[in-house]
Amino acid sequence: MEKIAKKLVKIFTVTYFTFSYFCGSIEKRRKMIFTPTKYQLQTVATSRIFEDQGWTLDDKQCDKPSMVRPVYEKKQLEVKKEACLGLYRYADWLPIKTMLKKPSEPITYKSEGLSKRLGLNNLYITFNGWWPERNARMTTCSFKEMEAYSVCARMSEQQKDKVLVVASAGNTARAFAKVCSDNGIKLLLCVPQDNINALWFDKPLNDCVKLITTESGSDYFDAINLSNVVCEMDGYLAEGGAKNIARRDGMGTTMISATTFIGRTPDFYFQAVGSGTGAIAAWEANLRFINDGRFGMNKARLMVSQNKPFVPMYDAWKADSRALLPYDADQARKDAAEICAPVLSNRKPPYGLAGGLYDALKDTHGDIFAVSNAEANAAKALFEETEGIDIYHAAAVATASLQQAVNQGIVKSDDVVMLNITGGGEKRFHAEHDIHYLQPSHIFRIGFTKEEVERVLAEMK
């Protein structure tokens, strides 16, 4: 018996260290063996193809607002097998120069509980968050990690000498802080003061990450204004938001996860939106799958949603307007303060420009839904009851919009539906980990001056 026990211990030990060595070897050899992804850029408005200068955000030769997109050398996606690679398994369709440490990825599965409750036979959930039983291990519990792992992997060594500047309503800041802290990348976050409770982590952050905020009562747009002033100064690099191809294609891995799991592109794609960048990214990934040729010619109908009363894109869409309708700044701040999903409160989203959300909805015959706090809270409870995990209010807004679409007869029982749960598992994660909060180095009033920003940043160095 003792001999058998010793033998089993030996087998376990060898297996464990073999696995550890394998994963560790991948971690150590990432930068050494990875070949930067080959691609060119294409301007949506003009179709002009040109070379990326390393951090190109738009086409200087285009005289109208337009997205630029990567045109990847590999038309057919080769999904890497190594689980340790996280989202970098999809590197063929990511505009990256390297691979960073500790990557995660979206996880897609076929629903049983929620699908039965809604009467849907083909509901697929792409889960972004903390759910170890599903192998979902995003420690920030948000799909914004996909943006951060992609954007930071696009940076060259020369660009890492600068301080990356990111404006956020909360989740994006948490994701970039985690990724930059883990990888020693200098980062300055600009966040509204009322949203800093979202900046929680399972361990103290590296000193390379700093936070400044705009005063209580401000919103995401105020934080963006602050970041724009910072980026005018030497030594700072604007992340670029929706115009950063790496941000969009990082978010597009949700569509890649679902499509490769299902074996075809879905009929419907549901997601709540603040900027709409995630939905644009899903549309762009869908177009690549059509070009790939192995996943059908279907364009998923984009069914996106906003949280009432903050619904500027919903209002514009229902008016069939490419331009956003006038929205008083004070009223916008008031409305943003009332919604249960504050991450959805972007006043200046990439809606009307060429390749923006308006074009994505038109091309896919999509629609926008408006969801109240009460509807979102009910959907949040329903998801946890039927699927067994807590989700964010933004994801609950998307779930409520799916309920609306089913009730209105838009989605039929046999349609193939992808529900993008953009964040979840926070309650579970907090119960299992010690939590640390990032505190701001300075709080700016809404009427800040450039001179004040320069002085504060000089003192922070």
Protein backbone atom coordinates (compact mmCIF):
# COMPACT_ATOMS: atom_id res chain seq x y z
CA MET A 1 0.00 0.00 0.00
CA GLU A 2 2.84 2.35 0.90
CA LYS A 3 4.59 1.56 -2.40
CA ILE A 4 1.41 2.32 -4.35
CA ALA A 5 0.96 5.61 -2.48
CA LYS A 6 4.54 6.65 -3.22
CA LYS A 7 4.11 5.74 -6.87
CA LEU A 8 0.94 7.81 -7.11
CA VAL A 9 2.68 10.78 -5.47
CA LYS A 10 5.54 10.45 -7.95
CA ILE A 11 3.14 10.32 -10.93
CA PHE A 12 1.26 13.36 -9.63
CA THR A 13 4.50 15.27 -9.01
CA VAL A 14 5.87 14.55 -12.48
CA THR A 15 2.54 15.45 -14.11
CA TYR A 16 2.26 18.70 -12.12
CA PHE A 17 5.78 19.88 -12.87
CA THR A 18 5.47 18.88 -16.53
CA PHE A 19 2.32 20.97 -16.83
CA SER A 20 3.88 23.84 -14.89
CA TYR A 21 6.98 23.72 -17.07
CA PHE A 22 4.85 23.67 -20.21
CA CYS A 23 2.81 26.71 -19.17
CA GLY A 24 5.88 28.44 -17.76
CA SER A 25 7.79 27.79 -20.96
CA ILE A 26 5.01 29.36 -23.01
CA GLU A 27 5.07 32.35 -20.65
CA LYS A 28 8.83 32.79 -20.92
CA ARG A 29 9.08 32.16 -24.63
CA ARG A 30 6.13 34.31 -25.72
CA LYS A 31 8.14 37.38 -26.68
CA MET A 32 10.97 35.30 -28.09
CA ILE A 33 8.90 33.11 -30.44
CA PHE A 34 6.01 35.43 -31.34
CA THR A 35 6.06 37.00 -34.80
CA PRO A 36 4.11 40.27 -34.96
CA THR A 37 0.81 39.88 -36.79
CA LYS A 38 0.97 41.10 -40.39
CA TYR A 39 -1.72 43.48 -41.59
CA GLN A 40 -2.43 46.74 -43.40
CA LEU A 41 -5.00 49.41 -42.61
CA GLN A 42 -8.08 50.31 -44.62
CA THR A 43 -10.14 53.48 -44.30
CA VAL A 44 -13.85 52.64 -44.18
CA ALA A 45 -14.97 55.88 -45.86
CA THR A 46 -12.67 55.64 -48.87
CA SER A 47 -11.44 52.00 -48.91
CA ARG A 48 -7.85 53.30 -49.12
CA ILE A 49 -5.31 50.74 -47.93
CA PHE A 50 -2.12 51.95 -46.30
CA GLU A 51 0.55 50.94 -43.80
CA ASP A 52 0.20 51.25 -40.03
CA GLN A 53 2.85 53.60 -38.63
CA GLY A 54 2.73 51.76 -35.32
CA TRP A 55 -0.06 53.62 -33.52
CA THR A 56 -2.19 54.96 -36.38
CA LEU A 57 -5.68 55.92 -35.19
CA ASP A 58 -7.09 57.46 -38.37
CA ASP A 59 -6.30 58.21 -42.00
CA LYS A 60 -4.81 61.70 -42.37
CA GLN A 61 -5.71 61.65 -46.09
CA CYS A 62 -9.41 61.19 -45.37
CA ASP A 63 -11.39 64.43 -45.10
CA LYS A 64 -14.36 62.98 -43.20
CA PRO A 65 -14.64 61.16 -39.86
CA SER A 66 -13.96 57.49 -40.44
CA MET A 67 -12.79 54.33 -38.73
CA VAL A 68 -9.76 52.50 -40.06
CA ARG A 69 -9.65 48.71 -39.91
CA PRO A 70 -6.88 46.14 -40.09
CA VAL A 71 -6.77 43.97 -43.19
CA TYR A 72 -5.01 40.87 -41.92
CA GLU A 73 -2.62 38.87 -44.07
CA LYS A 74 -4.23 35.64 -42.85
CA LYS A 75 -7.77 35.54 -44.22
CA GLN A 76 -8.55 32.25 -42.48
CA LEU A 77 -8.24 32.26 -38.71
CA GLU A 78 -6.01 29.60 -37.16
CA VAL A 79 -7.02 29.23 -33.52
CA LYS A 80 -4.01 28.28 -31.42
CA LYS A 81 -4.51 25.25 -29.17
CA GLU A 82 -2.56 26.31 -26.07
CA ALA A 83 -4.98 27.34 -23.32
CA CYS A 84 -2.19 29.37 -21.66
CA LEU A 85 -2.34 31.85 -24.56
CA GLY A 86 -5.77 33.21 -23.58
CA LEU A 87 -7.09 35.64 -26.20
CA TYR A 88 -3.75 35.40 -28.02
CA ARG A 89 -5.02 32.10 -29.41
CA TYR A 90 -6.72 34.46 -31.90
CA ALA A 91 -3.51 36.37 -32.69
CA ASP A 92 -4.04 36.04 -36.46
CA TRP A 93 -6.78 38.66 -36.11
CA LEU A 94 -5.19 40.89 -33.48
CA PRO A 95 -2.89 43.82 -34.47
CA ILE A 96 -0.20 42.94 -31.95
CA LYS A 97 3.58 42.97 -31.74
CA THR A 98 4.00 40.71 -28.71
CA MET A 99 2.11 38.66 -26.12
CA LEU A 100 1.71 39.83 -22.54
CA LYS A 101 1.64 37.87 -19.30
CA LYS A 102 -1.46 36.33 -17.71
CA PRO A 103 -3.93 36.70 -20.61
CA SER A 104 -7.56 35.65 -20.28
CA GLU A 105 -10.25 35.09 -22.92
CA PRO A 106 -14.04 35.01 -23.38
CA ILE A 107 -15.79 31.68 -22.82
CA THR A 108 -18.81 30.61 -24.89
CA TYR A 109 -21.26 27.89 -23.88
CA LYS A 110 -24.78 26.81 -24.83
CA SER A 111 -27.36 27.99 -22.33
CA GLU A 112 -29.74 25.59 -20.64
CA GLY A 113 -31.42 27.57 -17.86
CA LEU A 114 -32.02 30.99 -19.41
CA SER A 115 -32.74 29.49 -22.83
CA LYS A 116 -35.48 27.30 -21.36
CA ARG A 117 -37.03 30.25 -19.53
CA LEU A 118 -37.05 32.35 -22.73
CA GLY A 119 -38.14 29.51 -25.01
CA LEU A 120 -34.97 29.59 -27.12
CA ASN A 121 -33.39 26.41 -28.49
CA ASN A 122 -30.09 27.93 -29.61
CA LEU A 123 -29.05 30.53 -27.08
CA TYR A 124 -25.27 30.80 -26.72
CA ILE A 125 -23.78 32.87 -23.93
CA THR A 126 -20.33 34.41 -24.26
CA PHE A 127 -19.27 34.99 -20.69
CA ASN A 128 -16.61 37.51 -19.70
CA GLY A 129 -15.73 37.43 -16.03
CA TRP A 130 -14.88 35.15 -13.12
CA TRP A 131 -16.46 31.70 -13.29
CA PRO A 132 -13.77 29.04 -12.74
CA GLU A 133 -16.17 26.14 -13.35
CA ARG A 134 -16.62 27.48 -16.90
CA ASN A 135 -12.87 28.21 -17.17
CA ALA A 136 -13.68 31.94 -17.21
CA ARG A 137 -10.83 33.62 -15.33
CA MET A 138 -10.96 37.36 -15.98
CA THR A 139 -9.87 38.72 -12.61
CA THR A 140 -11.37 42.13 -13.40
CA CYS A 141 -14.67 40.36 -14.21
CA SER A 142 -15.09 42.45 -17.38
CA PHE A 143 -14.53 41.95 -21.12
CA LYS A 144 -12.57 45.20 -21.06
CA GLU A 145 -9.60 42.95 -20.28
CA MET A 146 -9.72 41.94 -23.95
CA GLU A 147 -9.18 45.57 -24.95
CA ALA A 148 -6.27 45.99 -22.57
CA TYR A 149 -4.44 42.80 -23.51
CA SER A 150 -4.74 43.70 -27.18
CA VAL A 151 -3.96 47.43 -26.96
CA CYS A 152 -0.92 46.97 -24.72
CA ALA A 153 0.38 44.16 -26.95
CA ARG A 154 0.21 46.58 -29.90
CA MET A 155 2.65 48.95 -28.17
CA SER A 156 6.26 48.98 -29.32
CA GLU A 157 9.13 49.13 -26.84
CA GLN A 158 9.64 52.81 -27.78
CA GLN A 159 5.98 53.60 -27.05
CA LYS A 160 6.28 51.94 -23.65
CA ASP A 161 8.76 54.68 -22.73
CA LYS A 162 5.75 57.00 -22.69
CA VAL A 163 2.82 56.95 -20.25
CA LEU A 164 -0.30 55.38 -21.75
CA VAL A 165 -3.38 57.54 -21.02
CA VAL A 166 -6.80 55.91 -20.69
CA ALA A 167 -10.13 57.62 -19.94
CA SER A 168 -12.82 55.39 -18.48
CA ALA A 169 -16.13 55.24 -16.67
CA GLY A 170 -14.77 52.37 -14.56
CA ASN A 171 -14.41 48.88 -16.06
CA THR A 172 -11.93 49.85 -18.79
CA ALA A 173 -9.76 51.58 -16.19
CA ARG A 174 -9.76 48.48 -13.99
CA ALA A 175 -8.79 46.27 -16.94
CA PHE A 176 -5.94 48.49 -18.14
CA ALA A 177 -4.69 48.93 -14.58
CA LYS A 178 -4.51 45.17 -14.05
CA VAL A 179 -2.80 44.44 -17.38
CA CYS A 180 -0.33 47.34 -17.13
CA SER A 181 0.48 46.53 -13.50
CA ASP A 182 1.15 42.87 -14.32
CA ASN A 183 3.36 43.81 -17.28
CA GLY A 184 5.16 46.92 -15.98
CA ILE A 185 3.60 49.34 -18.48
CA LYS A 186 3.30 52.99 -17.40
CA LEU A 187 -0.35 54.06 -17.23
CA LEU A 188 -2.33 57.16 -16.26
CA LEU A 189 -6.07 56.67 -15.72
CA CYS A 190 -8.66 59.48 -15.99
CA VAL A 191 -11.95 58.51 -14.30
CA PRO A 192 -14.94 60.40 -12.86
CA GLN A 193 -14.63 60.57 -9.06
CA ASP A 194 -18.07 59.00 -8.59
CA ASN A 195 -16.94 55.88 -10.46
CA ILE A 196 -13.73 55.00 -8.59
CA ASN A 197 -15.46 52.31 -6.57
CA ALA A 198 -15.01 50.27 -9.76
CA LEU A 199 -11.22 50.39 -9.32
CA TRP A 200 -10.86 47.29 -7.14
CA PHE A 201 -8.16 44.63 -7.47
CA ASP A 202 -7.13 41.38 -5.84
CA LYS A 203 -3.71 42.78 -4.96
CA PRO A 204 -2.00 46.19 -4.68
CA LEU A 205 -0.95 47.61 -8.04
CA ASN A 206 2.51 48.33 -9.37
CA ASP A 207 3.56 51.99 -8.97
CA CYS A 208 3.58 52.30 -12.77
CA VAL A 209 -0.21 52.79 -12.57
CA LYS A 210 -1.54 56.22 -11.51
CA LEU A 211 -5.07 57.63 -11.22
CA ILE A 212 -6.48 61.15 -11.55
CA THR A 213 -10.18 61.96 -11.41
CA THR A 214 -12.71 64.65 -12.22
CA GLU A 215 -14.79 65.89 -9.28
CA SER A 216 -17.99 64.34 -7.95
CA GLY A 217 -20.92 65.15 -10.24
CA SER A 218 -18.79 64.87 -13.39
CA ASP A 219 -19.23 62.12 -15.97
CA TYR A 220 -17.25 60.04 -18.46
CA PHE A 221 -17.12 62.89 -21.00
CA ASP A 222 -15.43 65.11 -18.40
CA ALA A 223 -12.83 62.38 -17.83
CA ILE A 224 -12.25 62.20 -21.59
CA ASN A 225 -11.67 65.97 -21.68
CA LEU A 226 -9.10 65.62 -18.91
CA SER A 227 -7.30 62.83 -20.77
CA ASN A 228 -7.23 64.93 -23.95
CA VAL A 229 -5.44 67.75 -22.12
CA VAL A 230 -2.91 65.28 -20.69
CA CYS A 231 -2.21 63.84 -24.12
CA GLU A 232 -1.17 67.26 -25.44
CA MET A 233 1.87 67.05 -23.16
CA ASP A 234 5.21 65.43 -23.94
CA GLY A 235 5.74 61.92 -22.69
CA TYR A 236 2.10 60.81 -22.81
CA LEU A 237 0.47 58.46 -25.34
CA ALA A 238 -3.26 58.61 -26.09
CA GLU A 239 -4.77 55.14 -26.03
CA GLY A 240 -7.22 56.23 -28.72
CA GLY A 241 -10.52 54.74 -27.58
CA ALA A 242 -12.76 53.29 -30.27
CA LYS A 243 -10.37 54.41 -33.02
CA ASN A 244 -7.64 52.15 -31.70
CA ILE A 245 -7.84 49.04 -33.89
CA ALA A 246 -6.40 46.92 -31.09
CA ARG A 247 -9.18 47.95 -28.72
CA ARG A 248 -11.88 46.96 -31.20
CA ASP A 249 -10.27 43.71 -32.27
CA GLY A 250 -9.60 42.77 -28.66
CA MET A 251 -13.32 43.18 -27.97
CA GLY A 252 -14.04 41.32 -31.20
CA THR A 253 -12.68 38.14 -29.63
CA THR A 254 -16.13 37.71 -28.07
CA MET A 255 -17.59 37.18 -31.56
CA ILE A 256 -14.61 34.97 -32.45
CA SER A 257 -15.20 32.86 -29.33
CA ALA A 258 -18.89 32.41 -30.13
CA THR A 259 -18.49 31.75 -33.85
CA THR A 260 -15.72 29.18 -33.47
CA PHE A 261 -17.67 27.45 -30.68
CA ILE A 262 -20.97 27.36 -32.59
CA GLY A 263 -19.35 26.62 -35.95
CA ARG A 264 -21.12 29.52 -37.69
CA THR A 265 -21.87 33.17 -37.09
CA PRO A 266 -25.03 33.69 -34.99
CA ASP A 267 -28.30 35.10 -36.31
CA PHE A 268 -28.50 37.69 -33.52
CA TYR A 269 -25.91 39.42 -31.34
CA PHE A 270 -27.09 41.07 -28.09
CA GLN A 271 -25.01 43.53 -26.05
CA ALA A 272 -25.54 46.67 -23.97
CA VAL A 273 -23.55 49.66 -25.24
CA GLY A 274 -22.09 52.89 -23.91
CA SER A 275 -19.87 53.75 -26.85
CA GLY A 276 -20.99 50.92 -29.14
CA THR A 277 -17.38 49.89 -29.71
CA GLY A 278 -17.99 46.27 -28.70
CA ALA A 279 -20.83 45.94 -31.20
CA ILE A 280 -18.75 47.56 -33.95
CA ALA A 281 -15.98 45.08 -33.11
CA ALA A 282 -18.39 42.15 -33.36
CA TRP A 283 -19.57 43.38 -36.77
CA GLU A 284 -15.99 43.70 -38.03
CA ALA A 285 -15.12 40.20 -36.79
CA ASN A 286 -18.26 38.89 -38.49
CA LEU A 287 -17.14 40.42 -41.80
CA ARG A 288 -13.78 38.64 -41.44
CA PHE A 289 -15.55 35.33 -40.89
CA ILE A 290 -17.50 35.86 -44.10
CA ASN A 291 -14.20 36.47 -45.88
CA ASP A 292 -12.76 33.39 -44.15
CA GLY A 293 -15.40 31.31 -45.92
CA ARG A 294 -15.74 28.46 -43.42
CA PHE A 295 -18.41 29.90 -41.10
CA GLY A 296 -21.18 30.86 -43.50
CA MET A 297 -22.18 34.13 -45.15
CA ASN A 298 -24.49 35.26 -42.37
CA LYS A 299 -24.34 38.73 -40.80
CA ALA A 300 -25.51 38.63 -37.20
CA ARG A 301 -28.17 41.25 -36.54
CA LEU A 302 -26.73 43.63 -33.95
CA MET A 303 -29.27 44.11 -31.18
CA VAL A 304 -27.78 46.65 -28.79
CA SER A 305 -29.28 48.40 -25.78
CA GLN A 306 -28.99 51.46 -23.59
CA ASN A 307 -30.05 52.11 -20.01
CA LYS A 308 -32.91 54.62 -19.57
CA PRO A 309 -32.92 57.57 -19.09
CA PHE A 310 -29.42 57.85 -20.67
CA VAL A 311 -30.24 56.86 -24.27
CA PRO A 312 -28.61 59.27 -26.81
CA MET A 313 -27.90 56.58 -29.41
CA TYR A 314 -31.36 55.03 -29.00
CA ASP A 315 -32.95 58.44 -29.60
CA ALA A 316 -30.84 59.12 -32.69
CA TRP A 317 -31.46 55.63 -34.11
CA LYS A 318 -35.21 55.84 -33.64
CA ALA A 319 -35.13 59.21 -35.43
CA ASP A 320 -33.11 57.54 -38.22
CA SER A 321 -30.42 60.16 -37.66
CA ARG A 322 -26.75 59.50 -38.34
CA ALA A 323 -25.93 62.43 -36.08
CA LEU A 324 -26.65 62.30 -32.37
CA LEU A 325 -29.48 64.60 -31.33
CA PRO A 326 -28.73 67.66 -29.16
CA TYR A 327 -28.20 66.66 -25.52
CA ASP A 328 -27.71 69.32 -22.85
CA ALA A 329 -24.55 68.58 -20.86
CA ASP A 330 -26.16 69.14 -17.45
CA GLN A 331 -29.11 66.94 -18.38
CA ALA A 332 -26.74 64.26 -19.65
CA ARG A 333 -24.84 64.26 -16.33
CA LYS A 334 -28.17 64.03 -14.46
CA ASP A 335 -29.36 61.13 -16.60
CA ALA A 336 -26.02 59.34 -16.28
CA ALA A 337 -26.28 59.58 -12.49
CA GLU A 338 -29.68 57.85 -12.54
CA ILE A 339 -28.85 54.69 -14.51
CA CYS A 340 -27.92 51.44 -12.79
CA ALA A 341 -25.19 50.75 -15.37
CA PRO A 342 -22.99 53.89 -15.32
CA VAL A 343 -20.44 52.32 -17.68
CA LEU A 344 -23.04 52.85 -20.43
CA SER A 345 -22.95 56.65 -20.12
CA ASN A 346 -20.82 57.86 -23.03
CA ARG A 347 -21.96 61.26 -24.36
CA LYS A 348 -19.71 61.22 -27.44
CA PRO A 349 -19.81 57.65 -28.79
CA PRO A 350 -18.45 56.64 -32.25
CA TYR A 351 -21.96 56.50 -33.63
CA GLY A 352 -22.19 58.51 -36.83
CA LEU A 353 -18.70 58.33 -38.39
CA ALA A 354 -18.04 55.98 -41.32
CA GLY A 355 -17.71 52.49 -39.88
CA GLY A 356 -19.36 53.52 -36.62
CA LEU A 357 -22.38 52.04 -34.87
CA TYR A 358 -24.94 53.63 -37.19
CA ASP A 359 -23.34 51.92 -40.21
CA ALA A 360 -23.00 48.64 -38.31
CA LEU A 361 -26.71 48.64 -37.44
CA LYS A 362 -27.75 49.55 -40.98
CA ASP A 363 -25.52 46.86 -42.52
CA THR A 364 -26.82 44.12 -40.23
CA HIS A 365 -30.48 45.24 -40.03
CA GLY A 366 -29.94 45.75 -36.32
CA ASP A 367 -31.81 47.70 -33.70
CA ILE A 368 -31.38 49.55 -30.39
CA PHE A 369 -33.46 48.86 -27.28
CA ALA A 370 -34.02 51.05 -24.21
CA VAL A 371 -34.06 49.27 -20.85
CA SER A 372 -35.18 50.73 -17.52
CA ASN A 373 -33.39 50.14 -14.22
CA ALA A 374 -36.29 47.97 -13.06
CA GLU A 375 -36.08 45.79 -16.17
CA ALA A 376 -32.31 45.47 -15.82
CA ASN A 377 -32.55 44.51 -12.14
CA ALA A 378 -35.14 41.86 -12.94
CA ALA A 379 -32.99 40.47 -15.75
CA LYS A 380 -29.96 40.44 -13.46
CA ALA A 381 -31.83 38.31 -10.94
CA LEU A 382 -33.18 36.05 -13.69
CA PHE A 383 -29.72 35.37 -15.10
CA GLU A 384 -28.28 34.45 -11.71
CA GLU A 385 -31.25 32.22 -10.96
CA THR A 386 -31.15 30.37 -14.30
CA GLU A 387 -27.42 30.31 -15.10
CA GLY A 388 -25.93 30.28 -11.61
CA ILE A 389 -23.63 33.31 -11.66
CA ASP A 390 -24.00 37.03 -10.90
CA ILE A 391 -23.63 39.53 -13.76
CA TYR A 392 -23.06 43.28 -14.08
CA HIS A 393 -25.90 45.69 -14.65
CA ALA A 394 -24.65 46.38 -18.18
CA ALA A 395 -24.91 42.68 -19.01
CA ALA A 396 -28.34 42.66 -17.36
CA VAL A 397 -29.41 45.48 -19.70
CA ALA A 398 -28.44 43.23 -22.64
CA THR A 399 -30.33 40.31 -21.10
CA ALA A 400 -33.42 42.48 -20.66
CA SER A 401 -33.21 43.58 -24.30
CA LEU A 402 -33.15 39.92 -25.34
CA GLN A 403 -36.33 39.41 -23.32
CA GLN A 404 -37.90 42.37 -25.13
CA ALA A 405 -36.91 40.96 -28.53
CA VAL A 406 -38.40 37.55 -27.69
CA ASN A 407 -41.62 39.09 -26.37
CA GLN A 408 -41.93 41.24 -29.51
CA GLY A 409 -41.50 38.21 -31.77
CA ILE A 410 -38.27 39.53 -33.29
CA VAL A 411 -36.29 36.52 -32.10
CA LYS A 412 -37.84 33.12 -32.85
CA SER A 413 -37.33 29.90 -30.89
CA ASP A 414 -34.91 28.29 -33.37
CA ASP A 415 -32.79 31.38 -34.11
CA VAL A 416 -29.11 31.12 -33.21
CA VAL A 417 -28.58 33.84 -30.61
CA MET A 418 -25.36 35.13 -29.02
CA LEU A 419 -25.76 37.00 -25.73
CA ASN A 420 -22.57 38.86 -24.84
CA ILE A 421 -22.35 38.93 -21.05
CA THR A 422 -19.73 41.64 -20.85
CA GLY A 423 -19.08 41.27 -17.13
CA GLY A 424 -19.91 38.87 -14.35
CA GLY A 425 -18.77 36.91 -11.35
CA GLU A 426 -17.76 39.96 -9.28
CA LYS A 427 -19.78 38.87 -6.25
CA ARG A 428 -18.15 35.44 -6.46
CA PHE A 429 -14.68 36.94 -6.97
CA HIS A 430 -14.96 39.32 -4.02
CA ALA A 431 -16.08 36.48 -1.77
CA GLU A 432 -12.97 34.48 -2.69
CA HIS A 433 -10.30 37.24 -2.65
CA ASP A 434 -9.02 40.13 -0.57
CA ILE A 435 -9.86 43.38 -2.36
CA HIS A 436 -7.69 46.50 -2.72
CA TYR A 437 -8.83 49.88 -4.12
CA LEU A 438 -6.81 52.33 -6.20
CA GLN A 439 -6.92 55.90 -4.84
CA PRO A 440 -6.54 59.04 -6.98
CA SER A 441 -3.37 61.11 -6.90
CA HIS A 442 -5.45 64.23 -7.61
CA ILE A 443 -9.09 65.25 -8.07
CA PHE A 444 -9.72 67.94 -10.72
CA ARG A 445 -12.72 70.24 -10.76
CA ILE A 446 -14.73 70.23 -14.01
CA GLY A 447 -13.37 73.67 -14.97
CA PHE A 448 -9.71 72.62 -14.74
CA THR A 449 -7.04 74.47 -16.73
CA LYS A 450 -4.17 73.09 -18.74
CA GLU A 451 -1.71 74.85 -16.43
CA GLU A 452 -3.23 73.11 -13.42
CA VAL A 453 -2.97 69.71 -15.12
CA GLU A 454 0.67 70.34 -16.08
CA ARG A 455 1.54 71.34 -12.51
CA VAL A 456 -0.16 68.31 -10.95
CA LEU A 457 1.43 65.84 -13.36
CA ALA A 458 4.87 67.37 -12.76
CA GLU A 459 4.38 66.89 -9.02
CA MET A 460 3.29 63.26 -9.55
CA LYS A 461 6.52 62.28 -11.31
